[in-house]
PDB file of all heavy atoms in Angstrom:
ATOM      1  N   THR A   1       7.453  28.470  24.057  1.00  0.00           N
ATOM      2  CA  THR A   1       6.479  28.273  22.983  1.00  0.00           C
ATOM      3  C   THR A   1       6.619  26.911  22.322  1.00  0.00           C
ATOM      4  O   THR A   1       5.664  26.402  21.736  1.00  0.00           O
ATOM      5  CB  THR A   1       6.603  29.366  21.917  1.00  0.00           C
ATOM      6  OG1 THR A   1       7.945  29.382  21.416  1.00  0.00           O
ATOM      7  CG2 THR A   1       6.253  30.729  22.488  1.00  0.00           C
ATOM      8  N   ALA A   2       7.795  26.302  22.404  1.00  0.00           N
ATOM      9  CA  ALA A   2       7.988  24.977  21.805  1.00  0.00           C
ATOM     10  C   ALA A   2       7.159  23.915  22.513  1.00  0.00           C
ATOM     11  O   ALA A   2       6.931  22.830  21.964  1.00  0.00           O
ATOM     12  CB  ALA A   2       9.464  24.597  21.837  1.00  0.00           C
ATOM     13  N   PHE A   3       6.688  24.200  23.744  1.00  0.00           N
ATOM     14  CA  PHE A   3       5.927  23.229  24.529  1.00  0.00           C
ATOM     15  C   PHE A   3       4.461  23.620  24.653  1.00  0.00           C
ATOM     16  O   PHE A   3       3.743  23.074  25.491  1.00  0.00           O
ATOM     17  CB  PHE A   3       6.548  23.086  25.922  1.00  0.00           C
ATOM     18  CG  PHE A   3       7.922  22.474  25.900  1.00  0.00           C
ATOM     19  CD1 PHE A   3       9.041  23.274  25.737  1.00  0.00           C
ATOM     20  CD2 PHE A   3       8.096  21.109  26.009  1.00  0.00           C
ATOM     21  CE1 PHE A   3      10.308  22.722  25.720  1.00  0.00           C
ATOM     22  CE2 PHE A   3       9.355  20.542  25.984  1.00  0.00           C
ATOM     23  CZ  PHE A   3      10.474  21.349  25.838  1.00  0.00           C
ATOM     24  N   LEU A   4       4.006  24.543  23.820  1.00  0.00           N
ATOM     25  CA  LEU A   4       2.587  24.870  23.776  1.00  0.00           C
ATOM     26  C   LEU A   4       1.882  23.967  22.766  1.00  0.00           C
ATOM     27  O   LEU A   4       2.510  23.347  21.914  1.00  0.00           O
ATOM     28  CB  LEU A   4       2.388  26.340  23.403  1.00  0.00           C
ATOM     29  CG  LEU A   4       2.887  27.372  24.413  1.00  0.00           C
ATOM     30  CD1 LEU A   4       2.699  28.780  23.867  1.00  0.00           C
ATOM     31  CD2 LEU A   4       2.182  27.219  25.757  1.00  0.00           C
ATOM     32  N   GLY A   5       0.570  23.942  22.861  1.00  0.00           N
ATOM     33  CA  GLY A   5      -0.196  23.114  21.934  1.00  0.00           C
ATOM     34  C   GLY A   5      -0.576  21.787  22.558  1.00  0.00           C
ATOM     35  O   GLY A   5      -0.838  21.684  23.756  1.00  0.00           O
ATOM     36  N   GLN A   6      -0.579  20.742  21.733  1.00  0.00           N
ATOM     37  CA  GLN A   6      -1.209  19.482  22.130  1.00  0.00           C
ATOM     38  C   GLN A   6      -0.299  18.608  22.990  1.00  0.00           C
ATOM     39  O   GLN A   6       0.857  18.364  22.661  1.00  0.00           O
ATOM     40  CB  GLN A   6      -1.647  18.713  20.887  1.00  0.00           C
ATOM     41  CG  GLN A   6      -2.742  17.713  21.167  1.00  0.00           C
ATOM     42  CD  GLN A   6      -3.305  17.114  19.895  1.00  0.00           C
ATOM     43  OE1 GLN A   6      -3.223  15.911  19.673  1.00  0.00           O
ATOM     44  NE2 GLN A   6      -3.882  17.933  19.039  1.00  0.00           N
ATOM     45  N   TRP A   7      -0.857  18.120  24.098  1.00  0.00           N
ATOM     46  CA  TRP A   7      -0.128  17.295  25.074  1.00  0.00           C
ATOM     47  C   TRP A   7      -0.439  15.814  24.890  1.00  0.00           C
ATOM     48  O   TRP A   7       0.454  14.978  24.867  1.00  0.00           O
ATOM     49  CB  TRP A   7      -0.521  17.737  26.488  1.00  0.00           C
ATOM     50  CG  TRP A   7       0.159  17.025  27.615  1.00  0.00           C
ATOM     51  CD1 TRP A   7       0.005  15.726  27.992  1.00  0.00           C
ATOM     52  CD2 TRP A   7       1.089  17.599  28.552  1.00  0.00           C
ATOM     53  NE1 TRP A   7       0.757  15.452  29.106  1.00  0.00           N
ATOM     54  CE2 TRP A   7       1.442  16.573  29.470  1.00  0.00           C
ATOM     55  CE3 TRP A   7       1.619  18.883  28.720  1.00  0.00           C
ATOM     56  CZ2 TRP A   7       2.319  16.793  30.528  1.00  0.00           C
ATOM     57  CZ3 TRP A   7       2.497  19.094  29.773  1.00  0.00           C
ATOM     58  CH2 TRP A   7       2.842  18.066  30.659  1.00  0.00           C
ATOM     59  N   GLY A   8      -1.732  15.469  24.813  1.00  0.00           N
ATOM     60  CA  GLY A   8      -2.112  14.067  24.744  1.00  0.00           C
ATOM     61  C   GLY A   8      -3.280  13.835  23.812  1.00  0.00           C
ATOM     62  O   GLY A   8      -4.021  14.760  23.466  1.00  0.00           O
ATOM     63  N   VAL A   9      -3.454  12.569  23.423  1.00  0.00           N
ATOM     64  CA  VAL A   9      -4.542  12.198  22.522  1.00  0.00           C
ATOM     65  C   VAL A   9      -5.048  10.818  22.929  1.00  0.00           C
ATOM     66  O   VAL A   9      -4.268   9.963  23.366  1.00  0.00           O
ATOM     67  CB  VAL A   9      -4.077  12.216  21.049  1.00  0.00           C
ATOM     68  CG1 VAL A   9      -2.949  11.225  20.804  1.00  0.00           C
ATOM     69  CG2 VAL A   9      -5.228  11.980  20.091  1.00  0.00           C
ATOM     70  N   PHE A  10      -6.383  10.607  22.809  1.00  0.00           N
ATOM     71  CA  PHE A  10      -6.987   9.317  23.140  1.00  0.00           C
ATOM     72  C   PHE A  10      -7.924   8.919  21.998  1.00  0.00           C
ATOM     73  O   PHE A  10      -8.978   9.538  21.806  1.00  0.00           O
ATOM     74  CB  PHE A  10      -7.774   9.407  24.459  1.00  0.00           C
ATOM     75  CG  PHE A  10      -8.390   8.103  24.880  1.00  0.00           C
ATOM     76  CD1 PHE A  10      -7.652   7.165  25.595  1.00  0.00           C
ATOM     77  CD2 PHE A  10      -9.709   7.791  24.553  1.00  0.00           C
ATOM     78  CE1 PHE A  10      -8.220   5.950  25.986  1.00  0.00           C
ATOM     79  CE2 PHE A  10     -10.284   6.586  24.941  1.00  0.00           C
ATOM     80  CZ  PHE A  10      -9.533   5.666  25.657  1.00  0.00           C
ATOM     81  N   PRO A  11      -7.555   7.862  21.228  1.00  0.00           N
ATOM     82  CA  PRO A  11      -8.368   7.443  20.082  1.00  0.00           C
ATOM     83  C   PRO A  11      -9.088   6.114  20.270  1.00  0.00           C
ATOM     84  O   PRO A  11      -9.535   5.520  19.289  1.00  0.00           O
ATOM     85  CB  PRO A  11      -7.301   7.286  19.000  1.00  0.00           C
ATOM     86  CG  PRO A  11      -6.135   6.708  19.758  1.00  0.00           C
ATOM     87  CD  PRO A  11      -6.208   7.273  21.165  1.00  0.00           C
ATOM     88  N   LEU A  12      -9.207   5.619  21.505  1.00  0.00           N
ATOM     89  CA  LEU A  12      -9.618   4.232  21.724  1.00  0.00           C
ATOM     90  C   LEU A  12     -11.109   4.020  21.918  1.00  0.00           C
ATOM     91  O   LEU A  12     -11.546   2.894  22.180  1.00  0.00           O
ATOM     92  CB  LEU A  12      -8.858   3.653  22.932  1.00  0.00           C
ATOM     93  CG  LEU A  12      -7.328   3.623  22.797  1.00  0.00           C
ATOM     94  CD1 LEU A  12      -6.701   3.026  24.045  1.00  0.00           C
ATOM     95  CD2 LEU A  12      -6.893   2.852  21.553  1.00  0.00           C
ATOM     96  N   PHE A  13     -11.922   5.056  21.818  1.00  0.00           N
ATOM     97  CA  PHE A  13     -13.370   4.851  21.915  1.00  0.00           C
ATOM     98  C   PHE A  13     -13.865   3.979  20.758  1.00  0.00           C
ATOM     99  O   PHE A  13     -13.428   4.145  19.607  1.00  0.00           O
ATOM    100  CB  PHE A  13     -14.111   6.192  21.872  1.00  0.00           C
ATOM    101  CG  PHE A  13     -13.920   7.056  23.094  1.00  0.00           C
ATOM    102  CD1 PHE A  13     -13.442   8.350  22.966  1.00  0.00           C
ATOM    103  CD2 PHE A  13     -14.241   6.589  24.353  1.00  0.00           C
ATOM    104  CE1 PHE A  13     -13.277   9.159  24.076  1.00  0.00           C
ATOM    105  CE2 PHE A  13     -14.075   7.389  25.479  1.00  0.00           C
ATOM    106  CZ  PHE A  13     -13.592   8.678  25.341  1.00  0.00           C
ATOM    107  N   ASP A  14     -14.812   3.081  21.043  1.00  0.00           N
ATOM    108  CA  ASP A  14     -15.371   2.222  19.992  1.00  0.00           C
ATOM    109  C   ASP A  14     -16.097   3.031  18.923  1.00  0.00           C
ATOM    110  O   ASP A  14     -16.198   2.608  17.767  1.00  0.00           O
ATOM    111  CB  ASP A  14     -16.340   1.203  20.606  1.00  0.00           C
ATOM    112  CG  ASP A  14     -15.635   0.131  21.414  1.00  0.00           C
ATOM    113  OD1 ASP A  14     -14.413  -0.040  21.240  1.00  0.00           O
ATOM    114  OD2 ASP A  14     -16.307  -0.533  22.233  1.00  0.00           O
ATOM    115  N   SER A  15     -16.620   4.200  19.294  1.00  0.00           N
ATOM    116  CA  SER A  15     -17.365   5.031  18.350  1.00  0.00           C
ATOM    117  C   SER A  15     -16.482   5.643  17.273  1.00  0.00           C
ATOM    118  O   SER A  15     -16.983   6.108  16.244  1.00  0.00           O
ATOM    119  CB  SER A  15     -18.067   6.160  19.100  1.00  0.00           C
ATOM    120  OG  SER A  15     -17.101   7.049  19.661  1.00  0.00           O
ATOM    121  N   GLY A  16     -15.171   5.682  17.502  1.00  0.00           N
ATOM    122  CA  GLY A  16     -14.272   6.362  16.586  1.00  0.00           C
ATOM    123  C   GLY A  16     -13.988   7.801  16.965  1.00  0.00           C
ATOM    124  O   GLY A  16     -13.160   8.455  16.326  1.00  0.00           O
ATOM    125  N   THR A  17     -14.655   8.308  17.989  1.00  0.00           N
ATOM    126  CA  THR A  17     -14.360   9.658  18.458  1.00  0.00           C
ATOM    127  C   THR A  17     -12.939   9.716  19.005  1.00  0.00           C
ATOM    128  O   THR A  17     -12.488   8.802  19.701  1.00  0.00           O
ATOM    129  CB  THR A  17     -15.360  10.085  19.554  1.00  0.00           C
ATOM    130  OG1 THR A  17     -16.665  10.164  18.976  1.00  0.00           O
ATOM    131  CG2 THR A  17     -14.989  11.434  20.142  1.00  0.00           C
ATOM    132  N   ILE A  18     -12.242  10.789  18.686  1.00  0.00           N
ATOM    133  CA  ILE A  18     -10.875  11.016  19.154  1.00  0.00           C
ATOM    134  C   ILE A  18     -10.884  12.288  19.996  1.00  0.00           C
ATOM    135  O   ILE A  18     -11.444  13.308  19.571  1.00  0.00           O
ATOM    136  CB  ILE A  18      -9.898  11.191  17.969  1.00  0.00           C
ATOM    137  CG1 ILE A  18      -9.945   9.969  17.051  1.00  0.00           C
ATOM    138  CG2 ILE A  18      -8.485  11.460  18.449  1.00  0.00           C
ATOM    139  CD1 ILE A  18      -9.360  10.213  15.682  1.00  0.00           C
ATOM    140  N   VAL A  19     -10.282  12.229  21.178  1.00  0.00           N
ATOM    141  CA  VAL A  19     -10.187  13.415  22.022  1.00  0.00           C
ATOM    142  C   VAL A  19      -8.717  13.729  22.265  1.00  0.00           C
ATOM    143  O   VAL A  19      -7.884  12.820  22.368  1.00  0.00           O
ATOM    144  CB  VAL A  19     -10.934  13.254  23.354  1.00  0.00           C
ATOM    145  CG1 VAL A  19     -12.431  13.214  23.121  1.00  0.00           C
ATOM    146  CG2 VAL A  19     -10.476  12.015  24.110  1.00  0.00           C
ATOM    147  N   ALA A  20      -8.409  15.003  22.317  1.00  0.00           N
ATOM    148  CA  ALA A  20      -7.033  15.441  22.541  1.00  0.00           C
ATOM    149  C   ALA A  20      -7.032  16.627  23.498  1.00  0.00           C
ATOM    150  O   ALA A  20      -7.984  17.412  23.535  1.00  0.00           O
ATOM    151  CB  ALA A  20      -6.363  15.826  21.217  1.00  0.00           C
ATOM    152  N   SER A  21      -5.955  16.737  24.258  1.00  0.00           N
ATOM    153  CA  SER A  21      -5.803  17.841  25.199  1.00  0.00           C
ATOM    154  C   SER A  21      -4.762  18.808  24.663  1.00  0.00           C
ATOM    155  O   SER A  21      -3.605  18.445  24.473  1.00  0.00           O
ATOM    156  CB  SER A  21      -5.384  17.321  26.575  1.00  0.00           C
ATOM    157  OG  SER A  21      -4.240  16.478  26.486  1.00  0.00           O
ATOM    158  N   ASP A  22      -5.207  20.020  24.384  1.00  0.00           N
ATOM    159  CA  ASP A  22      -4.313  21.070  23.912  1.00  0.00           C
ATOM    160  C   ASP A  22      -4.057  22.014  25.083  1.00  0.00           C
ATOM    161  O   ASP A  22      -4.993  22.563  25.664  1.00  0.00           O
ATOM    162  CB  ASP A  22      -4.945  21.822  22.740  1.00  0.00           C
ATOM    163  CG  ASP A  22      -3.976  22.766  22.063  1.00  0.00           C
ATOM    164  OD1 ASP A  22      -3.606  23.771  22.693  1.00  0.00           O
ATOM    165  OD2 ASP A  22      -3.594  22.508  20.911  1.00  0.00           O
ATOM    166  N   ARG A  23      -2.809  22.206  25.438  1.00  0.00           N
ATOM    167  CA  ARG A  23      -2.476  22.918  26.664  1.00  0.00           C
ATOM    168  C   ARG A  23      -3.168  24.268  26.765  1.00  0.00           C
ATOM    169  O   ARG A  23      -3.679  24.634  27.823  1.00  0.00           O
ATOM    170  CB  ARG A  23      -0.959  23.135  26.767  1.00  0.00           C
ATOM    171  CG  ARG A  23      -0.147  21.864  26.895  1.00  0.00           C
ATOM    172  CD  ARG A  23       1.271  22.176  27.294  1.00  0.00           C
ATOM    173  NE  ARG A  23       1.313  22.701  28.658  1.00  0.00           N
ATOM    174  CZ  ARG A  23       2.346  23.368  29.155  1.00  0.00           C
ATOM    175  NH1 ARG A  23       3.398  23.626  28.401  1.00  0.00           N
ATOM    176  NH2 ARG A  23       2.326  23.800  30.409  1.00  0.00           N
ATOM    177  N   ASN A  24      -3.168  25.014  25.686  1.00  0.00           N
ATOM    178  CA  ASN A  24      -3.690  26.380  25.751  1.00  0.00           C
ATOM    179  C   ASN A  24      -4.982  26.570  24.969  1.00  0.00           C
ATOM    180  O   ASN A  24      -5.566  27.648  25.007  1.00  0.00           O
ATOM    181  CB  ASN A  24      -2.641  27.388  25.269  1.00  0.00           C
ATOM    182  CG  ASN A  24      -1.898  26.930  24.039  1.00  0.00           C
ATOM    183  OD1 ASN A  24      -1.347  25.842  24.029  1.00  0.00           O
ATOM    184  ND2 ASN A  24      -1.854  27.750  23.017  1.00  0.00           N
ATOM    185  N   ASN A  25      -5.488  25.525  24.292  1.00  0.00           N
ATOM    186  CA  ASN A  25      -6.728  25.661  23.520  1.00  0.00           C
ATOM    187  C   ASN A  25      -7.855  24.778  24.022  1.00  0.00           C
ATOM    188  O   ASN A  25      -8.965  24.851  23.505  1.00  0.00           O
ATOM    189  CB  ASN A  25      -6.454  25.349  22.043  1.00  0.00           C
ATOM    190  CG  ASN A  25      -5.588  26.410  21.395  1.00  0.00           C
ATOM    191  OD1 ASN A  25      -5.913  27.596  21.423  1.00  0.00           O
ATOM    192  ND2 ASN A  25      -4.449  25.995  20.845  1.00  0.00           N
ATOM    193  N   GLY A  26      -7.587  23.921  25.014  1.00  0.00           N
ATOM    194  CA  GLY A  26      -8.654  23.137  25.616  1.00  0.00           C
ATOM    195  C   GLY A  26      -8.816  21.756  25.009  1.00  0.00           C
ATOM    196  O   GLY A  26      -7.936  21.230  24.334  1.00  0.00           O
ATOM    197  N   LEU A  27      -9.989  21.178  25.258  1.00  0.00           N
ATOM    198  CA  LEU A  27     -10.315  19.839  24.766  1.00  0.00           C
ATOM    199  C   LEU A  27     -10.673  19.903  23.292  1.00  0.00           C
ATOM    200  O   LEU A  27     -11.507  20.699  22.871  1.00  0.00           O
ATOM    201  CB  LEU A  27     -11.484  19.262  25.568  1.00  0.00           C
ATOM    202  CG  LEU A  27     -12.033  17.907  25.088  1.00  0.00           C
ATOM    203  CD1 LEU A  27     -11.001  16.811  25.296  1.00  0.00           C
ATOM    204  CD2 LEU A  27     -13.329  17.571  25.819  1.00  0.00           C
ATOM    205  N   ILE A  28     -10.051  19.028  22.509  1.00  0.00           N
ATOM    206  CA  ILE A  28     -10.317  18.924  21.071  1.00  0.00           C
ATOM    207  C   ILE A  28     -11.019  17.587  20.819  1.00  0.00           C
ATOM    208  O   ILE A  28     -10.541  16.539  21.266  1.00  0.00           O
ATOM    209  CB  ILE A  28      -9.012  18.987  20.250  1.00  0.00           C
ATOM    210  CG1 ILE A  28      -8.148  20.188  20.670  1.00  0.00           C
ATOM    211  CG2 ILE A  28      -9.323  19.018  18.764  1.00  0.00           C
ATOM    212  CD1 ILE A  28      -8.764  21.536  20.429  1.00  0.00           C
ATOM    213  N   VAL A  29     -12.154  17.620  20.132  1.00  0.00           N
ATOM    214  CA  VAL A  29     -12.918  16.407  19.814  1.00  0.00           C
ATOM    215  C   VAL A  29     -12.915  16.236  18.307  1.00  0.00           C
ATOM    216  O   VAL A  29     -13.316  17.153  17.567  1.00  0.00           O
ATOM    217  CB  VAL A  29     -14.356  16.479  20.361  1.00  0.00           C
ATOM    218  CG1 VAL A  29     -15.091  15.166  20.110  1.00  0.00           C
ATOM    219  CG2 VAL A  29     -14.348  16.804  21.859  1.00  0.00           C
ATOM    220  N   MET A  30     -12.491  15.063  17.823  1.00  0.00           N
ATOM    221  CA  MET A  30     -12.288  14.854  16.391  1.00  0.00           C
ATOM    222  C   MET A  30     -12.796  13.482  15.970  1.00  0.00           C
ATOM    223  O   MET A  30     -13.073  12.623  16.801  1.00  0.00           O
ATOM    224  CB  MET A  30     -10.786  14.922  16.051  1.00  0.00           C
ATOM    225  CG  MET A  30     -10.085  16.198  16.443  1.00  0.00           C
ATOM    226  SD  MET A  30      -8.265  16.044  16.327  1.00  0.00           S
ATOM    227  CE  MET A  30      -7.917  15.140  17.844  1.00  0.00           C
ATOM    228  N   GLN A  31     -12.881  13.293  14.667  1.00  0.00           N
ATOM    229  CA  GLN A  31     -13.071  11.985  14.068  1.00  0.00           C
ATOM    230  C   GLN A  31     -12.163  11.885  12.862  1.00  0.00           C
ATOM    231  O   GLN A  31     -11.915  12.891  12.171  1.00  0.00           O
ATOM    232  CB  GLN A  31     -14.526  11.764  13.659  1.00  0.00           C
ATOM    233  CG  GLN A  31     -15.473  11.578  14.843  1.00  0.00           C
ATOM    234  CD  GLN A  31     -16.892  11.266  14.426  1.00  0.00           C
ATOM    235  OE1 GLN A  31     -17.316  11.663  13.346  1.00  0.00           O
ATOM    236  NE2 GLN A  31     -17.629  10.574  15.266  1.00  0.00           N
ATOM    237  N   LEU A  32     -11.655  10.695  12.591  1.00  0.00           N
ATOM    238  CA  LEU A  32     -10.761  10.480  11.461  1.00  0.00           C
ATOM    239  C   LEU A  32     -11.559  10.141  10.221  1.00  0.00           C
ATOM    240  O   LEU A  32     -12.432   9.264  10.246  1.00  0.00           O
ATOM    241  CB  LEU A  32      -9.779   9.351  11.774  1.00  0.00           C
ATOM    242  CG  LEU A  32      -8.726   9.043  10.719  1.00  0.00           C
ATOM    243  CD1 LEU A  32      -7.791  10.231  10.515  1.00  0.00           C
ATOM    244  CD2 LEU A  32      -7.919   7.806  11.119  1.00  0.00           C
ATOM    245  N   SER A  33     -11.266  10.835   9.125  1.00  0.00           N
ATOM    246  CA  SER A  33     -11.941  10.595   7.865  1.00  0.00           C
ATOM    247  C   SER A  33     -10.946  10.096   6.832  1.00  0.00           C
ATOM    248  O   SER A  33      -9.771  10.478   6.842  1.00  0.00           O
ATOM    249  CB  SER A  33     -12.599  11.894   7.359  1.00  0.00           C
ATOM    250  OG  SER A  33     -13.096  11.721   6.045  1.00  0.00           O
ATOM    251  N   ASP A  34     -11.388   9.221   5.964  1.00  0.00           N
ATOM    252  CA  ASP A  34     -10.542   8.771   4.864  1.00  0.00           C
ATOM    253  C   ASP A  34     -10.512   9.787   3.727  1.00  0.00           C
ATOM    254  O   ASP A  34      -9.747   9.652   2.776  1.00  0.00           O
ATOM    255  CB  ASP A  34     -11.040   7.434   4.319  1.00  0.00           C
ATOM    256  CG  ASP A  34     -10.832   6.303   5.308  1.00  0.00           C
ATOM    257  OD1 ASP A  34      -9.865   6.388   6.084  1.00  0.00           O
ATOM    258  OD2 ASP A  34     -11.632   5.348   5.313  1.00  0.00           O
ATOM    259  N   THR A  35     -11.361  10.811   3.819  1.00  0.00           N
ATOM    260  CA  THR A  35     -11.429  11.812   2.774  1.00  0.00           C
ATOM    261  C   THR A  35     -10.488  12.971   3.087  1.00  0.00           C
ATOM    262  O   THR A  35     -10.545  13.528   4.181  1.00  0.00           O
ATOM    263  CB  THR A  35     -12.868  12.374   2.648  1.00  0.00           C
ATOM    264  OG1 THR A  35     -13.761  11.297   2.411  1.00  0.00           O
ATOM    265  CG2 THR A  35     -12.955  13.387   1.531  1.00  0.00           C
TER     266      THR A  35
END
């Protein structure tokens, strides 16, 4: 269980979209907010 969850993250799109790979929950799509 210590190795479940998020494996990798990619924040380099010019749009600001952030994508992450969660081993057991799938693709996560995010954006960073200052709020």
